């Protein structure tokens, strides 16, 4: 008694084929302050400002106002659970592999932005408050007079993500 195996290109084959193609692309998910977006008239990038906010800048008397590390610590288990659910959808053929990373990128980006909004201490120095008041009087759009990490909104709006090919 013998048997014959017949191979048909069904949905399982398509899922496996897509997964193999997708994982051979060698891409990396990056989330943060990508590129060289600069503050007008300052020559400082948003990445430099984010770093100074995260760790402080003793030379400029800027205290640390971390938001990235707290966002990671608060959300890493949630991100892992969501990733697991998304990977299950990939294996079920409902999502493509790189869609998982794109969705995670949007999620992490949003959590970083939430944490920027949540930072309220240490309070701004009176010098910074006076500078913001003067800017507002000149007609410059300042989002907040007293809220740390929120002046023009550029830092908040510069959090982004990308899937970059590793070369």
Foldseek 3Di string as FASTA:
>chain_A
DDDDDDDDCDLQNVLVVLQVVVVVQAKDKDWAQDDFPDDPPPSHGLRNVLVCQQPNDVVVPGHHQRQLVVLCVVCVVVLVVQLVVVVVCSSVVNDGPVVSSVVSRVVSLVSSLVSLVVGAPPKDDVVQLVVLVVCVVVVQDFPDSIGPPGGNCCSSVSTGMDIGGDD
